[in-house]
Amino acid sequence: MAPRPAAPGPGGLGTVGRVITGLVQVACLAAAVVVVAAGLTAGIFALLSAVFGAERPVTLTANQARGSWLASTACRPPTWAAWP
């Protein structure tokens, strides 16, 4: 049996293909950095407000005071969906 030919390598992309690949990689990396920075920033502000005793926003307190619809009777229990 004859050996199989090797799969084509990434060199077939050409200059334009490599530039586009690089731009997509940079965009994905930048998006990940933005998400992490936003999460850390929100966490730092929450920590600082807790340390210095700042009041919580009224809307946040009102939303946390309400019951969750997932925990209420409006949402059926998981056993309802089970096959008999």
PDB file of N, CA and C in Angstrom:
ATOM      1  N   MET A   1       0.843  -1.159   0.000  1.00  0.00           N
ATOM      2  CA  MET A   1       0.000   0.000   0.000  1.00  0.00           C
ATOM      3  C   MET A   1       0.899   1.235   0.000  1.00  0.00           C
ATOM      4  N   ALA A   2       0.591   2.186  -0.822  1.00  0.00           N
ATOM      5  CA  ALA A   2       1.407   3.400  -0.948  1.00  0.00           C
ATOM      6  C   ALA A   2       1.097   4.363   0.202  1.00  0.00           C
ATOM      7  N   PRO A   3       2.104   5.099   0.671  1.00  0.00           N
ATOM      8  CA  PRO A   3       1.852   6.061   1.751  1.00  0.00           C
ATOM      9  C   PRO A   3       0.964   7.206   1.274  1.00  0.00           C
ATOM     10  N   ARG A   4       0.199   7.723   2.175  1.00  0.00           N
ATOM     11  CA  ARG A   4      -0.692   8.846   1.853  1.00  0.00           C
ATOM     12  C   ARG A   4       0.111  10.132   1.715  1.00  0.00           C
ATOM     13  N   PRO A   5      -0.307  11.016   0.856  1.00  0.00           N
ATOM     14  CA  PRO A   5       0.389  12.305   0.760  1.00  0.00           C
ATOM     15  C   PRO A   5       0.105  13.151   2.007  1.00  0.00           C
ATOM     16  N   ALA A   6       1.026  13.986   2.350  1.00  0.00           N
ATOM     17  CA  ALA A   6       0.873  14.845   3.523  1.00  0.00           C
ATOM     18  C   ALA A   6      -0.230  15.869   3.295  1.00  0.00           C
ATOM     19  N   ALA A   7      -0.884  16.254   4.364  1.00  0.00           N
ATOM     20  CA  ALA A   7      -1.929  17.273   4.281  1.00  0.00           C
ATOM     21  C   ALA A   7      -1.295  18.617   3.958  1.00  0.00           C
ATOM     22  N   PRO A   8      -2.013  19.450   3.231  1.00  0.00           N
ATOM     23  CA  PRO A   8      -1.452  20.770   2.913  1.00  0.00           C
ATOM     24  C   PRO A   8      -1.247  21.584   4.183  1.00  0.00           C
ATOM     25  N   GLY A   9      -0.171  22.301   4.260  1.00  0.00           N
ATOM     26  CA  GLY A   9       0.158  23.107   5.431  1.00  0.00           C
ATOM     27  C   GLY A   9      -0.468  24.481   5.357  1.00  0.00           C
ATOM     28  N   PRO A  10      -0.251  25.275   6.384  1.00  0.00           N
ATOM     29  CA  PRO A  10      -0.842  26.607   6.414  1.00  0.00           C
ATOM     30  C   PRO A  10      -0.179  27.584   5.458  1.00  0.00           C
ATOM     31  N   GLY A  11       0.870  27.188   4.791  1.00  0.00           N
ATOM     32  CA  GLY A  11       1.548  28.088   3.866  1.00  0.00           C
ATOM     33  C   GLY A  11       0.724  28.433   2.654  1.00  0.00           C
ATOM     34  N   GLY A  12      -0.357  27.719   2.406  1.00  0.00           N
ATOM     35  CA  GLY A  12      -1.186  27.990   1.249  1.00  0.00           C
ATOM     36  C   GLY A  12      -2.137  29.158   1.421  1.00  0.00           C
ATOM     37  N   LEU A  13      -2.115  29.817   2.568  1.00  0.00           N
ATOM     38  CA  LEU A  13      -3.037  30.919   2.804  1.00  0.00           C
ATOM     39  C   LEU A  13      -2.653  32.175   2.035  1.00  0.00           C
ATOM     40  N   GLY A  14      -1.395  32.391   1.843  1.00  0.00           N
ATOM     41  CA  GLY A  14      -0.954  33.610   1.181  1.00  0.00           C
ATOM     42  C   GLY A  14      -0.873  34.760   2.170  1.00  0.00           C
ATOM     43  N   THR A  15      -0.428  35.879   1.697  1.00  0.00           N
ATOM     44  CA  THR A  15      -0.222  37.039   2.563  1.00  0.00           C
ATOM     45  C   THR A  15      -1.539  37.575   3.110  1.00  0.00           C
ATOM     46  N   VAL A  16      -2.532  37.673   2.277  1.00  0.00           N
ATOM     47  CA  VAL A  16      -3.826  38.212   2.707  1.00  0.00           C
ATOM     48  C   VAL A  16      -4.456  37.295   3.754  1.00  0.00           C
ATOM     49  N   GLY A  17      -4.352  35.997   3.543  1.00  0.00           N
ATOM     50  CA  GLY A  17      -4.901  35.050   4.499  1.00  0.00           C
ATOM     51  C   GLY A  17      -4.216  35.132   5.847  1.00  0.00           C
ATOM     52  N   ARG A  18      -2.904  35.303   5.836  1.00  0.00           N
ATOM     53  CA  ARG A  18      -2.173  35.428   7.096  1.00  0.00           C
ATOM     54  C   ARG A  18      -2.522  36.721   7.823  1.00  0.00           C
ATOM     55  N   VAL A  19      -2.707  37.790   7.075  1.00  0.00           N
ATOM     56  CA  VAL A  19      -3.081  39.070   7.694  1.00  0.00           C
ATOM     57  C   VAL A  19      -4.463  38.962   8.329  1.00  0.00           C
ATOM     58  N   ILE A  20      -5.405  38.361   7.630  1.00  0.00           N
ATOM     59  CA  ILE A  20      -6.757  38.195   8.168  1.00  0.00           C
ATOM     60  C   ILE A  20      -6.727  37.297   9.404  1.00  0.00           C
ATOM     61  N   THR A  21      -5.964  36.227   9.357  1.00  0.00           N
ATOM     62  CA  THR A  21      -5.845  35.331  10.513  1.00  0.00           C
ATOM     63  C   THR A  21      -5.277  36.077  11.712  1.00  0.00           C
ATOM     64  N   GLY A  22      -4.261  36.882  11.485  1.00  0.00           N
ATOM     65  CA  GLY A  22      -3.668  37.669  12.571  1.00  0.00           C
ATOM     66  C   GLY A  22      -4.652  38.671  13.152  1.00  0.00           C
ATOM     67  N   LEU A  23      -5.427  39.331  12.289  1.00  0.00           N
ATOM     68  CA  LEU A  23      -6.408  40.304  12.769  1.00  0.00           C
ATOM     69  C   LEU A  23      -7.501  39.634  13.603  1.00  0.00           C
ATOM     70  N   VAL A  24      -7.934  38.467  13.182  1.00  0.00           N
ATOM     71  CA  VAL A  24      -8.955  37.738  13.945  1.00  0.00           C
ATOM     72  C   VAL A  24      -8.398  37.321  15.303  1.00  0.00           C
ATOM     73  N   GLN A  25      -7.155  36.864  15.340  1.00  0.00           N
ATOM     74  CA  GLN A  25      -6.550  36.476  16.614  1.00  0.00           C
ATOM     75  C   GLN A  25      -6.412  37.666  17.550  1.00  0.00           C
ATOM     76  N   VAL A  26      -6.003  38.803  17.024  1.00  0.00           N
ATOM     77  CA  VAL A  26      -5.867  40.007  17.849  1.00  0.00           C
ATOM     78  C   VAL A  26      -7.236  40.454  18.353  1.00  0.00           C
ATOM     79  N   ALA A  27      -8.267  40.374  17.514  1.00  0.00           N
ATOM     80  CA  ALA A  27      -9.616  40.770  17.929  1.00  0.00           C
ATOM     81  C   ALA A  27     -10.138  39.861  19.040  1.00  0.00           C
ATOM     82  N   CYS A  28      -9.888  38.562  18.931  1.00  0.00           N
ATOM     83  CA  CYS A  28     -10.329  37.626  19.976  1.00  0.00           C
ATOM     84  C   CYS A  28      -9.590  37.882  21.285  1.00  0.00           C
ATOM     85  N   LEU A  29      -8.317  38.137  21.212  1.00  0.00           N
ATOM     86  CA  LEU A  29      -7.537  38.427  22.409  1.00  0.00           C
ATOM     87  C   LEU A  29      -7.999  39.729  23.059  1.00  0.00           C
ATOM     88  N   ALA A  30      -8.256  40.749  22.249  1.00  0.00           N
ATOM     89  CA  ALA A  30      -8.726  42.028  22.785  1.00  0.00           C
ATOM     90  C   ALA A  30     -10.096  41.874  23.445  1.00  0.00           C
ATOM     91  N   ALA A  31     -10.978  41.077  22.848  1.00  0.00           N
ATOM     92  CA  ALA A  31     -12.301  40.856  23.440  1.00  0.00           C
ATOM     93  C   ALA A  31     -12.175  40.154  24.788  1.00  0.00           C
ATOM     94  N   ALA A  32     -11.289  39.185  24.890  1.00  0.00           N
ATOM     95  CA  ALA A  32     -11.092  38.485  26.157  1.00  0.00           C
ATOM     96  C   ALA A  32     -10.536  39.432  27.218  1.00  0.00           C
ATOM     97  N   VAL A  33      -9.616  40.284  26.847  1.00  0.00           N
ATOM     98  CA  VAL A  33      -9.041  41.251  27.794  1.00  0.00           C
ATOM     99  C   VAL A  33     -10.117  42.223  28.275  1.00  0.00           C
ATOM    100  N   VAL A  34     -10.982  42.667  27.385  1.00  0.00           N
ATOM    101  CA  VAL A  34     -12.053  43.601  27.764  1.00  0.00           C
ATOM    102  C   VAL A  34     -13.020  42.935  28.742  1.00  0.00           C
ATOM    103  N   VAL A  35     -13.372  41.686  28.486  1.00  0.00           N
ATOM    104  CA  VAL A  35     -14.297  40.981  29.378  1.00  0.00           C
ATOM    105  C   VAL A  35     -13.681  40.807  30.768  1.00  0.00           C
ATOM    106  N   VAL A  36     -12.428  40.411  30.832  1.00  0.00           N
ATOM    107  CA  VAL A  36     -11.763  40.226  32.122  1.00  0.00           C
ATOM    108  C   VAL A  36     -11.628  41.565  32.845  1.00  0.00           C
ATOM    109  N   ALA A  37     -11.253  42.612  32.134  1.00  0.00           N
ATOM    110  CA  ALA A  37     -11.099  43.933  32.754  1.00  0.00           C
ATOM    111  C   ALA A  37     -12.436  44.446  33.280  1.00  0.00           C
ATOM    112  N   ALA A  38     -13.510  44.229  32.539  1.00  0.00           N
ATOM    113  CA  ALA A  38     -14.827  44.679  32.999  1.00  0.00           C
ATOM    114  C   ALA A  38     -15.245  43.921  34.247  1.00  0.00           C
ATOM    115  N   GLY A  39     -14.979  42.629  34.278  1.00  0.00           N
ATOM    116  CA  GLY A  39     -15.317  41.845  35.462  1.00  0.00           C
ATOM    117  C   GLY A  39     -14.517  42.261  36.675  1.00  0.00           C
ATOM    118  N   LEU A  40     -13.231  42.505  36.487  1.00  0.00           N
ATOM    119  CA  LEU A  40     -12.390  42.933  37.607  1.00  0.00           C
ATOM    120  C   LEU A  40     -12.779  44.322  38.093  1.00  0.00           C
ATOM    121  N   THR A  41     -13.107  45.201  37.164  1.00  0.00           N
ATOM    122  CA  THR A  41     -13.499  46.557  37.542  1.00  0.00           C
ATOM    123  C   THR A  41     -14.774  46.533  38.365  1.00  0.00           C
ATOM    124  N   ALA A  42     -15.758  45.758  37.930  1.00  0.00           N
ATOM    125  CA  ALA A  42     -17.005  45.671  38.683  1.00  0.00           C
ATOM    126  C   ALA A  42     -16.758  45.060  40.054  1.00  0.00           C
ATOM    127  N   GLY A  43     -15.894  44.068  40.106  1.00  0.00           N
ATOM    128  CA  GLY A  43     -15.579  43.439  41.387  1.00  0.00           C
ATOM    129  C   GLY A  43     -14.850  44.374  42.329  1.00  0.00           C
ATOM    130  N   ILE A  44     -13.950  45.177  41.783  1.00  0.00           N
ATOM    131  CA  ILE A  44     -13.197  46.108  42.617  1.00  0.00           C
ATOM    132  C   ILE A  44     -14.123  47.175  43.179  1.00  0.00           C
ATOM    133  N   PHE A  45     -15.038  47.697  42.353  1.00  0.00           N
ATOM    134  CA  PHE A  45     -15.971  48.705  42.841  1.00  0.00           C
ATOM    135  C   PHE A  45     -16.911  48.128  43.888  1.00  0.00           C
ATOM    136  N   ALA A  46     -17.329  46.884  43.716  1.00  0.00           N
ATOM    137  CA  ALA A  46     -18.196  46.253  44.707  1.00  0.00           C
ATOM    138  C   ALA A  46     -17.440  46.056  46.015  1.00  0.00           C
ATOM    139  N   LEU A  47     -16.184  45.650  45.919  1.00  0.00           N
ATOM    140  CA  LEU A  47     -15.372  45.460  47.113  1.00  0.00           C
ATOM    141  C   LEU A  47     -15.143  46.778  47.837  1.00  0.00           C
ATOM    142  N   LEU A  48     -14.813  47.832  47.094  1.00  0.00           N
ATOM    143  CA  LEU A  48     -14.583  49.134  47.718  1.00  0.00           C
ATOM    144  C   LEU A  48     -15.844  49.677  48.373  1.00  0.00           C
ATOM    145  N   SER A  49     -16.984  49.487  47.733  1.00  0.00           N
ATOM    146  CA  SER A  49     -18.224  49.988  48.324  1.00  0.00           C
ATOM    147  C   SER A  49     -18.578  49.205  49.587  1.00  0.00           C
ATOM    148  N   ALA A  50     -18.244  47.915  49.620  1.00  0.00           N
ATOM    149  CA  ALA A  50     -18.506  47.127  50.824  1.00  0.00           C
ATOM    150  C   ALA A  50     -17.550  47.523  51.945  1.00  0.00           C
ATOM    151  N   VAL A  51     -16.299  47.799  51.615  1.00  0.00           N
ATOM    152  CA  VAL A  51     -15.311  48.159  52.634  1.00  0.00           C
ATOM    153  C   VAL A  51     -15.644  49.517  53.254  1.00  0.00           C
ATOM    154  N   PHE A  52     -16.039  50.458  52.423  1.00  0.00           N
ATOM    155  CA  PHE A  52     -16.301  51.805  52.927  1.00  0.00           C
ATOM    156  C   PHE A  52     -17.753  52.006  53.339  1.00  0.00           C
ATOM    157  N   GLY A  53     -18.546  50.958  53.317  1.00  0.00           N
ATOM    158  CA  GLY A  53     -19.919  51.022  53.811  1.00  0.00           C
ATOM    159  C   GLY A  53     -20.855  51.818  52.935  1.00  0.00           C
ATOM    160  N   ALA A  54     -20.621  51.841  51.657  1.00  0.00           N
ATOM    161  CA  ALA A  54     -21.500  52.589  50.759  1.00  0.00           C
ATOM    162  C   ALA A  54     -22.853  51.886  50.654  1.00  0.00           C
ATOM    163  N   GLU A  55     -23.867  52.678  50.421  1.00  0.00           N
ATOM    164  CA  GLU A  55     -25.210  52.123  50.261  1.00  0.00           C
ATOM    165  C   GLU A  55     -25.322  51.397  48.938  1.00  0.00           C
ATOM    166  N   ARG A  56     -26.106  50.328  48.936  1.00  0.00           N
ATOM    167  CA  ARG A  56     -26.345  49.611  47.698  1.00  0.00           C
ATOM    168  C   ARG A  56     -27.379  50.367  46.877  1.00  0.00           C
ATOM    169  N   PRO A  57     -27.304  50.302  45.569  1.00  0.00           N
ATOM    170  CA  PRO A  57     -28.311  50.972  44.746  1.00  0.00           C
ATOM    171  C   PRO A  57     -29.707  50.428  45.044  1.00  0.00           C
ATOM    172  N   VAL A  58     -30.697  51.305  44.972  1.00  0.00           N
ATOM    173  CA  VAL A  58     -32.071  50.938  45.311  1.00  0.00           C
ATOM    174  C   VAL A  58     -32.585  49.839  44.381  1.00  0.00           C
ATOM    175  N   THR A  59     -32.270  49.935  43.097  1.00  0.00           N
ATOM    176  CA  THR A  59     -32.776  48.928  42.162  1.00  0.00           C
ATOM    177  C   THR A  59     -32.194  47.556  42.447  1.00  0.00           C
ATOM    178  N   LEU A  60     -30.937  47.502  42.855  1.00  0.00           N
ATOM    179  CA  LEU A  60     -30.318  46.218  43.182  1.00  0.00           C
ATOM    180  C   LEU A  60     -30.974  45.612  44.416  1.00  0.00           C
ATOM    181  N   THR A  61     -31.207  46.433  45.425  1.00  0.00           N
ATOM    182  CA  THR A  61     -31.843  45.944  46.641  1.00  0.00           C
ATOM    183  C   THR A  61     -33.267  45.483  46.349  1.00  0.00           C
ATOM    184  N   ALA A  62     -34.000  46.212  45.512  1.00  0.00           N
ATOM    185  CA  ALA A  62     -35.378  45.839  45.185  1.00  0.00           C
ATOM    186  C   ALA A  62     -35.405  44.527  44.400  1.00  0.00           C
ATOM    187  N   ASN A  63     -34.468  44.340  43.498  1.00  0.00           N
ATOM    188  CA  ASN A  63     -34.427  43.106  42.720  1.00  0.00           C
ATOM    189  C   ASN A  63     -34.069  41.914  43.587  1.00  0.00           C
ATOM    190  N   GLN A  64     -33.226  42.103  44.569  1.00  0.00           N
ATOM    191  CA  GLN A  64     -32.850  40.995  45.432  1.00  0.00           C
ATOM    192  C   GLN A  64     -33.939  40.667  46.445  1.00  0.00           C
ATOM    193  N   ALA A  65     -34.819  41.614  46.725  1.00  0.00           N
ATOM    194  CA  ALA A  65     -35.894  41.378  47.684  1.00  0.00           C
ATOM    195  C   ALA A  65     -36.999  40.508  47.078  1.00  0.00           C
ATOM    196  N   ARG A  66     -37.156  40.548  45.767  1.00  0.00           N
ATOM    197  CA  ARG A  66     -38.185  39.738  45.113  1.00  0.00           C
ATOM    198  C   ARG A  66     -37.748  38.283  45.060  1.00  0.00           C
ATOM    199  N   GLY A  67     -38.719  37.403  45.031  1.00  0.00           N
ATOM    200  CA  GLY A  67     -38.419  35.986  44.895  1.00  0.00           C
ATOM    201  C   GLY A  67     -38.092  35.641  43.456  1.00  0.00           C
ATOM    202  N   SER A  68     -37.366  34.602  43.276  1.00  0.00           N
ATOM    203  CA  SER A  68     -36.996  34.160  41.942  1.00  0.00           C
ATOM    204  C   SER A  68     -38.130  33.366  41.324  1.00  0.00           C
ATOM    205  N   TRP A  69     -38.391  33.566  40.036  1.00  0.00           N
ATOM    206  CA  TRP A  69     -39.462  32.801  39.394  1.00  0.00           C
ATOM    207  C   TRP A  69     -39.051  31.347  39.236  1.00  0.00           C
ATOM    208  N   LEU A  70     -37.743  31.080  39.227  1.00  0.00           N
ATOM    209  CA  LEU A  70     -37.311  29.683  39.136  1.00  0.00           C
ATOM    210  C   LEU A  70     -37.609  28.916  40.422  1.00  0.00           C
ATOM    211  N   ALA A  71     -37.565  29.621  41.553  1.00  0.00           N
ATOM    212  CA  ALA A  71     -37.810  28.961  42.825  1.00  0.00           C
ATOM    213  C   ALA A  71     -39.289  28.985  43.215  1.00  0.00           C
ATOM    214  N   SER A  72     -40.109  29.682  42.441  1.00  0.00           N
ATOM    215  CA  SER A  72     -41.522  29.789  42.792  1.00  0.00           C
ATOM    216  C   SER A  72     -42.316  28.642  42.165  1.00  0.00           C
ATOM    217  N   THR A  73     -43.607  28.663  42.402  1.00  0.00           N
ATOM    218  CA  THR A  73     -44.474  27.617  41.841  1.00  0.00           C
ATOM    219  C   THR A  73     -44.767  27.866  40.366  1.00  0.00           C
ATOM    220  N   ALA A  74     -44.382  29.033  39.839  1.00  0.00           N
ATOM    221  CA  ALA A  74     -44.609  29.308  38.424  1.00  0.00           C
ATOM    222  C   ALA A  74     -43.749  28.411  37.538  1.00  0.00           C
ATOM    223  N   CYS A  75     -42.638  27.970  38.067  1.00  0.00           N
ATOM    224  CA  CYS A  75     -41.747  27.085  37.323  1.00  0.00           C
ATOM    225  C   CYS A  75     -41.977  25.657  37.805  1.00  0.00           C
ATOM    226  N   ARG A  76     -42.231  24.753  36.879  1.00  0.00           N
ATOM    227  CA  ARG A  76     -42.508  23.367  37.251  1.00  0.00           C
ATOM    228  C   ARG A  76     -41.233  22.686  37.745  1.00  0.00           C
ATOM    229  N   PRO A  77     -41.367  21.719  38.640  1.00  0.00           N
ATOM    230  CA  PRO A  77     -40.182  21.027  39.144  1.00  0.00           C
ATOM    231  C   PRO A  77     -39.550  20.159  38.068  1.00  0.00           C
ATOM    232  N   PRO A  78     -38.284  19.832  38.198  1.00  0.00           N
ATOM    233  CA  PRO A  78     -37.602  19.016  37.184  1.00  0.00           C
ATOM    234  C   PRO A  78     -38.223  17.632  37.032  1.00  0.00           C
ATOM    235  N   THR A  79     -38.853  17.128  38.084  1.00  0.00           N
ATOM    236  CA  THR A  79     -39.452  15.794  37.985  1.00  0.00           C
ATOM    237  C   THR A  79     -40.642  15.777  37.045  1.00  0.00           C
ATOM    238  N   TRP A  80     -41.224  16.936  36.785  1.00  0.00           N
ATOM    239  CA  TRP A  80     -42.367  17.009  35.871  1.00  0.00           C
ATOM    240  C   TRP A  80     -41.950  16.611  34.448  1.00  0.00           C
ATOM    241  N   ALA A  81     -40.727  16.954  34.084  1.00  0.00           N
ATOM    242  CA  ALA A  81     -40.252  16.695  32.730  1.00  0.00           C
ATOM    243  C   ALA A  81     -39.681  15.284  32.569  1.00  0.00           C
ATOM    244  N   ALA A  82     -39.557  14.552  33.665  1.00  0.00           N
ATOM    245  CA  ALA A  82     -38.965  13.208  33.584  1.00  0.00           C
ATOM    246  C   ALA A  82     -39.924  12.251  32.891  1.00  0.00           C
ATOM    247  N   TRP A  83     -39.362  11.352  32.163  1.00  0.00           N
ATOM    248  CA  TRP A  83     -40.178  10.340  31.482  1.00  0.00           C
ATOM    249  C   TRP A  83     -40.681   9.331  32.511  1.00  0.00           C
ATOM    250  N   PRO A  84     -41.923   8.865  32.342  1.00  0.00           N
ATOM    251  CA  PRO A  84     -42.469   7.896  33.312  1.00  0.00           C
ATOM    252  C   PRO A  84     -41.775   6.543  33.232  1.00  0.00           C
TER     253      PRO A  84
END
